[in-house]
């Protein structure tokens, strides 16, 4: 079982609208960015698939299997439509 850690989450664009806020701090035992997103998607009914999103950890784009550590900032970035 993974240790619980405090993670800062930032949501952008449509994810921010779905979640109803732009950032929050949560307690999680998720070990990777992918596990964290799945946890949040279930909890808040977020409906973007991983294939459509990008993830950044501490302001660096990362792969979904990247580990997350206590006090990290994780940013979920959905596709942005322009016009």
Protein backbone atom coordinates (compact mmCIF):
# COMPACT_ATOMS: atom_id res chain seq x y z
CA UNK A 1 0.00 0.00 0.00
CA UNK A 2 1.34 3.41 -0.97
CA UNK A 3 1.82 6.15 1.57
CA UNK A 4 -0.65 9.02 1.54
CA UNK A 5 0.75 12.24 0.08
CA UNK A 6 -0.47 15.78 -0.40
CA UNK A 7 -0.71 16.76 -4.06
CA UNK A 8 -1.54 20.13 -5.61
CA UNK A 9 -3.83 19.72 -8.62
CA UNK A 10 -4.40 22.27 -11.38
CA UNK A 11 -7.16 21.90 -13.97
CA UNK A 12 -7.17 23.72 -17.31
CA UNK A 13 -9.83 24.58 -19.91
CA UNK A 14 -12.76 22.12 -20.07
CA UNK A 15 -11.46 20.11 -17.11
CA UNK A 16 -11.64 23.25 -15.00
CA UNK A 17 -15.29 23.66 -16.05
CA UNK A 18 -16.10 20.00 -15.33
CA UNK A 19 -14.42 20.11 -11.92
CA UNK A 20 -15.80 23.54 -11.00
CA UNK A 21 -12.46 24.89 -9.81
CA UNK A 22 -9.02 25.63 -11.23
CA UNK A 23 -6.94 24.10 -8.44
CA UNK A 24 -7.13 22.14 -5.22
CA UNK A 25 -4.93 20.29 -2.78
CA UNK A 26 -5.82 16.67 -2.06
CA UNK A 27 -4.62 13.67 -0.08
CA UNK A 28 -4.00 10.58 -2.23
CA UNK A 29 -2.24 7.24 -2.17
CA UNK A 30 -1.99 7.16 -5.98
CA UNK A 31 1.54 6.36 -7.11
CA UNK A 32 1.42 7.66 -10.70
CA UNK A 33 -0.19 10.48 -12.65
CA UNK A 34 -2.43 7.90 -14.36
CA UNK A 35 -3.69 6.50 -11.04
CA UNK A 36 -4.29 10.03 -9.76
CA UNK A 37 -6.32 11.05 -12.82
CA UNK A 38 -8.40 7.87 -12.66
CA UNK A 39 -9.09 8.54 -8.97
CA UNK A 40 -10.18 12.12 -9.70
CA UNK A 41 -12.19 11.14 -12.80
CA UNK A 42 -14.19 8.67 -10.73
CA UNK A 43 -14.64 11.05 -7.81
CA UNK A 44 -15.66 14.08 -9.89
CA UNK A 45 -17.12 12.46 -13.06
CA UNK A 46 -14.41 13.89 -15.32
CA UNK A 47 -14.97 12.49 -18.79
CA UNK A 48 -11.77 13.07 -20.75
CA UNK A 49 -9.84 9.92 -21.65
CA UNK A 50 -6.12 9.76 -20.92
CA UNK A 51 -5.41 9.67 -24.67
CA UNK A 52 -6.82 13.20 -25.02
CA UNK A 53 -5.03 14.73 -22.05
CA UNK A 54 -1.51 15.87 -21.29
CA UNK A 55 -0.06 15.80 -17.80
CA UNK A 56 2.66 17.95 -16.29
CA UNK A 57 4.31 17.35 -12.94
CA UNK A 58 6.05 20.33 -11.37
CA UNK A 59 5.74 22.25 -14.66
CA UNK A 60 7.33 19.54 -16.84
CA UNK A 61 5.33 17.47 -19.32
CA UNK A 62 5.52 13.82 -18.27
CA UNK A 63 4.23 10.41 -19.28
CA UNK A 64 1.17 9.00 -17.51
CA UNK A 65 3.24 6.35 -15.72
CA UNK A 66 5.44 9.00 -14.08
CA UNK A 67 5.53 8.75 -10.29
CA UNK A 68 4.12 11.45 -8.06
CA UNK A 69 5.64 12.52 -4.76
CA UNK A 70 4.43 14.41 -1.71
CA UNK A 71 4.02 18.16 -2.44
CA UNK A 72 4.11 17.72 -6.24
CA UNK A 73 1.96 19.93 -8.45
CA UNK A 74 0.11 17.93 -11.11
CA UNK A 75 -1.50 19.76 -14.01
CA UNK A 76 -4.09 18.11 -16.25
CA UNK A 77 -4.36 19.74 -19.68
CA UNK A 78 -7.19 18.82 -22.07
CA UNK A 79 -7.13 19.63 -25.78
CA UNK A 80 -7.81 23.29 -26.44
CA UNK A 81 -9.91 24.32 -29.41
CA UNK A 82 -8.93 27.52 -31.14
CA UNK A 83 -10.83 29.87 -33.31
